[in-house]
Amino acid sequence: MSDTAQQPPTAPRADVIHDIGYRHYEGPRLGRSYATRSLYTLSLRGSFGLGRSVKSKILPMALLAVICLPALIIVAVTVYTKLSKYPDTASYPNYLSIMQFVIAVFVAAQAPVALSRDLRFMTLPLYFSRPLTSRDYVQAKFGAMASAVFVLTGLPMLIMWIGSMLASMDFGYNLEHFGYGLVAAAFYSLLYAGIGLVISSVTPRRGFGVAAIIAVLLISEAVAGIIYAVLDVHGHSSGAGWALVISPSSLVATTVDWLFGLSGRGNIHVPSDLGGFVFLAEILLVAAASYGLLVRRYRKI
């Protein structure tokens, strides 16, 4: 018998490549910057429930209405009574101090939406499987939350400024104080967004995040007020001002008053010019430290 006849038959190969018409992507590759901007836009819209269910829109839109309604009332009363300027108690920066409860509730409700759901449903590996890095993710989320708070705080002041023109108030005065209010809004945005996101990044449970943020932002305000009152009653008015460093709301309000020489909330003010610089530095350092902690946190995931 020949050698060919002695060899066993060859089994058919199972690994067959079928050409079913797929083509390689040849379009533009937009890269990390586009992905970061897209995540920023998505997160900013999500902060107000846009692009989500009707149920998700109720709370943020209700808070936006709550913070704007008093501004509309102030404008209406001012136009009706023909005042030459807004009362000091309802000035642009002081308005945000009065409404700080609404700002705190907004951050407590929406900061966990920005981060906790990604932790809970483990979608972060999907983000990081693309060119998007952990730093890009933090930049998008921090920027979106800060922008959302800035919209929340800036809109009522814009209403008041437009109302001042309708009431024929002094244009230069109102434009100047409107600028002071925008500075206060920027401080609130950086400080509150940083604190809220750092707390939200720790737990995947939204309820825990909401409770912790409320505790930090509101209980600290109460504790600072108590310490300030006790020291002030006992004649330590200069030392009482240092108690405000533990309250984010009082920290922003007194810093803006000191920075622009405003009367603010009566006798509640920074302890000295040195205290003003310390308060301003604390706002910036807390915001920067919050960003740094977020980057470090998501670098480990």
Protein backbone atom coordinates (compact mmCIF):
# COMPACT_ATOMS: atom_id res chain seq x y z
CA MET A 1 0.00 0.00 0.00
CA SER A 2 1.20 3.49 -0.70
CA ASP A 3 1.99 6.06 2.02
CA THR A 4 -0.97 8.16 0.94
CA ALA A 5 -3.40 5.36 1.47
CA GLN A 6 -2.07 4.66 4.98
CA GLN A 7 -2.71 8.26 6.28
CA PRO A 8 -6.06 8.82 8.14
CA PRO A 9 -8.49 11.30 6.57
CA THR A 10 -8.03 14.91 7.68
CA ALA A 11 -10.84 16.28 9.90
CA PRO A 12 -12.55 19.41 8.60
CA ARG A 13 -11.46 22.66 10.29
CA ALA A 14 -13.97 24.23 12.68
CA ASP A 15 -12.44 27.74 12.75
CA VAL A 16 -13.89 29.38 9.70
CA ILE A 17 -13.94 33.16 9.24
CA HIS A 18 -17.06 34.46 7.57
CA ASP A 19 -17.08 37.83 5.89
CA ILE A 20 -20.48 39.30 6.82
CA GLY A 21 -19.79 42.78 5.59
CA TYR A 22 -18.58 44.66 8.66
CA ARG A 23 -16.35 47.62 7.92
CA HIS A 24 -13.81 49.40 10.08
CA TYR A 25 -14.80 52.81 11.47
CA GLU A 26 -13.14 55.46 9.33
CA GLY A 27 -14.80 58.60 10.75
CA PRO A 28 -13.31 61.19 13.11
CA ARG A 29 -12.21 60.02 16.57
CA LEU A 30 -13.23 62.78 18.96
CA GLY A 31 -11.09 61.63 21.88
CA ARG A 32 -10.99 62.43 25.60
CA SER A 33 -11.98 66.08 25.45
CA TYR A 34 -15.21 65.30 23.61
CA ALA A 35 -16.00 62.46 26.02
CA THR A 36 -15.37 64.76 29.00
CA ARG A 37 -17.60 67.49 27.59
CA SER A 38 -20.33 64.96 26.85
CA LEU A 39 -20.20 63.61 30.41
CA TYR A 40 -20.25 67.17 31.76
CA THR A 41 -23.32 68.06 29.70
CA LEU A 42 -25.09 64.84 30.63
CA SER A 43 -24.37 65.36 34.35
CA LEU A 44 -25.44 69.01 34.28
CA ARG A 45 -28.72 68.14 32.60
CA GLY A 46 -29.21 65.29 35.05
CA SER A 47 -28.83 67.69 38.00
CA PHE A 48 -32.12 69.28 36.95
CA GLY A 49 -33.73 66.02 35.81
CA LEU A 50 -33.49 66.92 32.11
CA GLY A 51 -33.40 63.85 29.91
CA ARG A 52 -34.74 61.73 32.74
CA SER A 53 -38.17 60.71 33.99
CA VAL A 54 -40.78 63.21 35.15
CA LYS A 55 -40.31 62.00 38.73
CA SER A 56 -36.63 62.97 38.58
CA LYS A 57 -37.51 66.52 37.53
CA ILE A 58 -39.89 67.27 40.41
CA LEU A 59 -37.43 68.01 43.25
CA PRO A 60 -34.76 70.02 41.38
CA MET A 61 -37.34 72.08 39.50
CA ALA A 62 -39.30 72.65 42.72
CA LEU A 63 -36.16 73.89 44.47
CA LEU A 64 -35.39 76.15 41.53
CA ALA A 65 -38.89 77.61 41.81
CA VAL A 66 -38.57 78.00 45.61
CA ILE A 67 -35.33 79.95 45.35
CA CYS A 68 -36.67 82.19 42.56
CA LEU A 69 -40.12 82.93 43.97
CA PRO A 70 -38.96 85.29 46.78
CA ALA A 71 -36.87 87.18 44.21
CA LEU A 72 -39.97 87.72 42.09
CA ILE A 73 -41.88 88.93 45.15
CA ILE A 74 -39.08 91.34 46.09
CA VAL A 75 -39.06 92.73 42.55
CA ALA A 76 -42.85 93.14 42.56
CA VAL A 77 -42.86 94.94 45.93
CA THR A 78 -39.96 97.16 44.91
CA VAL A 79 -41.63 98.15 41.64
CA TYR A 80 -44.94 98.81 43.39
CA THR A 81 -43.43 100.93 46.19
CA LYS A 82 -40.99 102.67 43.80
CA LEU A 83 -37.95 102.12 46.02
CA SER A 84 -34.62 103.47 44.83
CA LYS A 85 -32.76 100.25 45.76
CA TYR A 86 -33.33 96.89 47.32
CA PRO A 87 -33.23 96.71 51.14
CA ASP A 88 -29.87 95.66 52.60
CA THR A 89 -31.46 92.54 54.08
CA ALA A 90 -32.49 91.46 50.57
CA SER A 91 -29.37 92.56 48.68
CA TYR A 92 -27.90 90.29 46.05
CA PRO A 93 -25.29 88.44 48.18
CA ASN A 94 -27.45 88.47 51.30
CA TYR A 95 -30.32 86.89 49.38
CA LEU A 96 -28.23 83.75 48.90
CA SER A 97 -27.37 83.70 52.60
CA ILE A 98 -31.08 83.77 53.44
CA MET A 99 -31.82 80.98 50.95
CA GLN A 100 -28.84 78.78 51.87
CA PHE A 101 -31.19 76.06 53.09
CA VAL A 102 -32.49 75.60 49.53
CA ILE A 103 -28.93 75.41 48.18
CA ALA A 104 -28.00 72.78 50.76
CA VAL A 105 -31.05 70.64 49.98
CA PHE A 106 -30.34 70.87 46.24
CA VAL A 107 -26.75 69.71 46.69
CA ALA A 108 -27.79 66.96 49.11
CA ALA A 109 -30.35 65.67 46.63
CA GLN A 110 -28.36 65.96 43.41
CA ALA A 111 -24.73 65.25 44.34
CA PRO A 112 -25.49 61.55 45.07
CA VAL A 113 -27.29 61.39 41.71
CA ALA A 114 -24.05 62.47 40.03
CA LEU A 115 -21.80 59.88 41.71
CA SER A 116 -23.55 57.31 43.88
CA ARG A 117 -25.49 55.69 41.04
CA ASP A 118 -22.29 55.03 39.08
CA LEU A 119 -20.84 53.32 42.14
CA ARG A 120 -23.99 51.36 42.90
CA PHE A 121 -24.60 50.07 39.39
CA MET A 122 -20.87 49.62 38.68
CA THR A 123 -20.85 51.63 35.48
CA LEU A 124 -17.44 53.18 36.14
CA PRO A 125 -15.55 50.38 34.31
CA LEU A 126 -17.61 51.25 31.23
CA TYR A 127 -16.49 54.89 31.45
CA PHE A 128 -12.85 53.99 32.02
CA SER A 129 -12.78 51.39 29.24
CA ARG A 130 -12.73 54.35 26.87
CA PRO A 131 -10.04 57.07 26.60
CA LEU A 132 -11.80 58.81 29.51
CA THR A 133 -9.51 58.82 32.57
CA SER A 134 -10.41 59.09 36.24
CA ARG A 135 -9.28 62.73 36.24
CA ASP A 136 -11.50 63.47 33.24
CA TYR A 137 -14.42 61.85 35.04
CA VAL A 138 -13.86 63.99 38.15
CA GLN A 139 -13.47 67.15 36.07
CA ALA A 140 -16.77 66.52 34.31
CA LYS A 141 -18.70 65.66 37.48
CA PHE A 142 -17.21 68.47 39.60
CA GLY A 143 -17.72 71.01 36.83
CA ALA A 144 -21.31 69.88 36.26
CA MET A 145 -22.25 70.02 39.95
CA ALA A 146 -20.62 73.43 40.42
CA SER A 147 -22.36 74.72 37.29
CA ALA A 148 -25.72 73.40 38.51
CA VAL A 149 -25.33 75.20 41.85
CA PHE A 150 -24.25 78.36 40.02
CA VAL A 151 -27.40 78.23 37.87
CA LEU A 152 -29.51 77.71 40.99
CA THR A 153 -27.93 80.65 42.82
CA GLY A 154 -27.44 82.95 39.87
CA LEU A 155 -30.96 82.80 38.42
CA PRO A 156 -32.76 84.59 41.30
CA MET A 157 -30.17 87.35 41.29
CA LEU A 158 -30.61 87.73 37.53
CA ILE A 159 -34.34 88.14 38.17
CA MET A 160 -33.60 90.84 40.76
CA TRP A 161 -31.24 92.65 38.42
CA ILE A 162 -33.77 92.64 35.57
CA GLY A 163 -36.36 93.84 38.08
CA SER A 164 -34.10 96.72 39.09
CA MET A 165 -34.04 97.91 35.48
CA LEU A 166 -37.83 97.61 35.25
CA ALA A 167 -38.08 99.73 38.40
CA SER A 168 -35.67 102.33 36.93
CA MET A 169 -33.20 101.91 39.77
CA ASP A 170 -29.63 103.10 39.53
CA PHE A 171 -28.05 100.96 36.81
CA GLY A 172 -24.44 101.23 37.97
CA TYR A 173 -25.23 100.43 41.61
CA ASN A 174 -27.29 97.36 40.75
CA LEU A 175 -24.80 96.10 38.18
CA GLU A 176 -22.01 96.39 40.76
CA HIS A 177 -23.96 94.55 43.46
CA PHE A 178 -25.16 91.99 40.96
CA GLY A 179 -21.48 91.27 40.35
CA TYR A 180 -20.97 90.85 44.11
CA GLY A 181 -23.81 88.35 44.09
CA LEU A 182 -22.23 86.38 41.26
CA VAL A 183 -18.99 86.14 43.24
CA ALA A 184 -20.99 84.78 46.18
CA ALA A 185 -22.72 82.33 43.82
CA ALA A 186 -19.32 81.13 42.55
CA PHE A 187 -18.09 80.59 46.12
CA TYR A 188 -21.24 78.65 47.02
CA SER A 189 -20.86 76.58 43.86
CA LEU A 190 -17.25 75.58 44.48
CA LEU A 191 -17.64 74.95 48.20
CA TYR A 192 -20.98 73.15 48.22
CA ALA A 193 -20.26 71.09 45.10
CA GLY A 194 -16.90 69.96 46.50
CA ILE A 195 -18.29 68.95 49.88
CA GLY A 196 -21.33 67.22 48.38
CA LEU A 197 -19.37 65.23 45.82
CA VAL A 198 -16.70 64.09 48.27
CA ILE A 199 -19.37 62.71 50.60
CA SER A 200 -21.28 61.12 47.72
CA SER A 201 -18.14 59.39 46.43
CA VAL A 202 -17.80 57.41 49.66
CA THR A 203 -21.06 55.48 49.52
CA PRO A 204 -23.08 53.88 46.69
CA ARG A 205 -26.26 54.37 48.75
CA ARG A 206 -27.99 57.56 47.76
CA GLY A 207 -29.91 57.86 51.03
CA PHE A 208 -26.73 57.74 53.11
CA GLY A 209 -25.18 60.42 50.92
CA VAL A 210 -28.20 62.71 51.23
CA ALA A 211 -28.27 62.39 55.03
CA ALA A 212 -24.53 62.98 55.39
CA ILE A 213 -24.54 66.07 53.17
CA ILE A 214 -27.52 67.55 55.04
CA ALA A 215 -25.75 66.90 58.34
CA VAL A 216 -22.53 68.59 57.25
CA LEU A 217 -24.12 71.63 55.58
CA LEU A 218 -26.99 72.36 57.96
CA ILE A 219 -25.84 71.06 61.34
CA SER A 220 -22.53 72.89 60.94
CA GLU A 221 -24.53 76.11 60.43
CA ALA A 222 -26.43 75.53 63.67
CA VAL A 223 -23.28 74.66 65.64
CA ALA A 224 -21.43 77.72 64.33
CA GLY A 225 -24.40 79.95 65.24
CA ILE A 226 -24.54 78.57 68.78
CA ILE A 227 -20.81 79.00 69.37
CA TYR A 228 -20.91 82.52 67.91
CA ALA A 229 -23.85 83.52 70.11
CA VAL A 230 -22.30 82.14 73.30
CA LEU A 231 -18.94 83.87 72.73
CA ASP A 232 -20.60 87.11 71.67
CA VAL A 233 -22.79 87.22 74.79
CA HIS A 234 -19.73 86.80 77.00
CA GLY A 235 -17.96 89.72 75.33
CA HIS A 236 -15.66 87.75 73.01
CA SER A 237 -17.00 89.32 69.82
CA SER A 238 -13.67 89.14 67.97
CA GLY A 239 -13.15 85.51 68.85
CA ALA A 240 -16.77 84.68 68.04
CA GLY A 241 -16.16 85.41 64.39
CA TRP A 242 -13.74 82.50 64.13
CA ALA A 243 -16.59 80.10 64.88
CA LEU A 244 -17.95 80.81 61.39
CA VAL A 245 -15.13 78.83 59.77
CA ILE A 246 -16.99 75.57 60.46
CA SER A 247 -20.14 76.67 58.60
CA PRO A 248 -19.91 76.73 54.76
CA SER A 249 -22.82 79.17 54.45
CA SER A 250 -21.53 81.65 57.03
CA LEU A 251 -18.04 81.28 55.61
CA VAL A 252 -19.17 82.40 52.15
CA ALA A 253 -21.52 85.15 53.39
CA THR A 254 -19.00 86.81 55.71
CA THR A 255 -16.16 86.50 53.20
CA VAL A 256 -18.16 88.26 50.47
CA ASP A 257 -19.24 90.98 52.92
CA TRP A 258 -15.62 91.56 53.94
CA LEU A 259 -14.31 91.37 50.39
CA PHE A 260 -16.65 94.11 49.09
CA GLY A 261 -17.28 96.08 52.29
CA LEU A 262 -20.95 95.16 52.60
CA SER A 263 -23.04 95.40 55.75
CA GLY A 264 -24.28 91.83 55.34
CA ARG A 265 -25.99 90.26 58.33
CA GLY A 266 -25.52 93.01 60.90
CA ASN A 267 -22.95 92.15 63.55
CA ILE A 268 -22.03 88.78 62.04
CA HIS A 269 -18.76 89.38 60.22
CA VAL A 270 -15.18 88.21 59.89
CA PRO A 271 -13.12 88.80 63.06
CA SER A 272 -10.54 91.02 61.31
CA ASP A 273 -8.83 91.67 57.99
CA LEU A 274 -6.57 88.72 58.78
CA GLY A 275 -9.68 86.66 59.37
CA GLY A 276 -11.02 87.76 55.98
CA PHE A 277 -7.92 86.47 54.22
CA VAL A 278 -8.12 83.24 56.22
CA PHE A 279 -11.79 82.79 55.32
CA LEU A 280 -11.11 83.41 51.63
CA ALA A 281 -8.19 81.00 51.67
CA GLU A 282 -10.33 78.37 53.38
CA ILE A 283 -12.99 78.54 50.65
CA LEU A 284 -10.41 78.07 47.92
CA LEU A 285 -8.49 75.38 49.80
CA VAL A 286 -11.60 73.36 50.64
CA ALA A 287 -12.68 73.46 46.98
CA ALA A 288 -9.21 72.45 45.78
CA ALA A 289 -8.88 69.74 48.44
CA SER A 290 -12.29 68.34 47.51
CA TYR A 291 -11.24 68.08 43.88
CA GLY A 292 -7.95 66.44 44.88
CA LEU A 293 -9.70 63.91 47.13
CA LEU A 294 -12.09 63.01 44.31
CA VAL A 295 -9.22 62.45 41.89
CA ARG A 296 -7.45 60.25 44.43
CA ARG A 297 -10.65 58.34 45.18
CA TYR A 298 -11.42 57.50 41.56
CA ARG A 299 -7.83 56.73 40.69
CA LYS A 300 -8.14 53.66 42.94
CA ILE A 301 -11.30 52.35 41.25
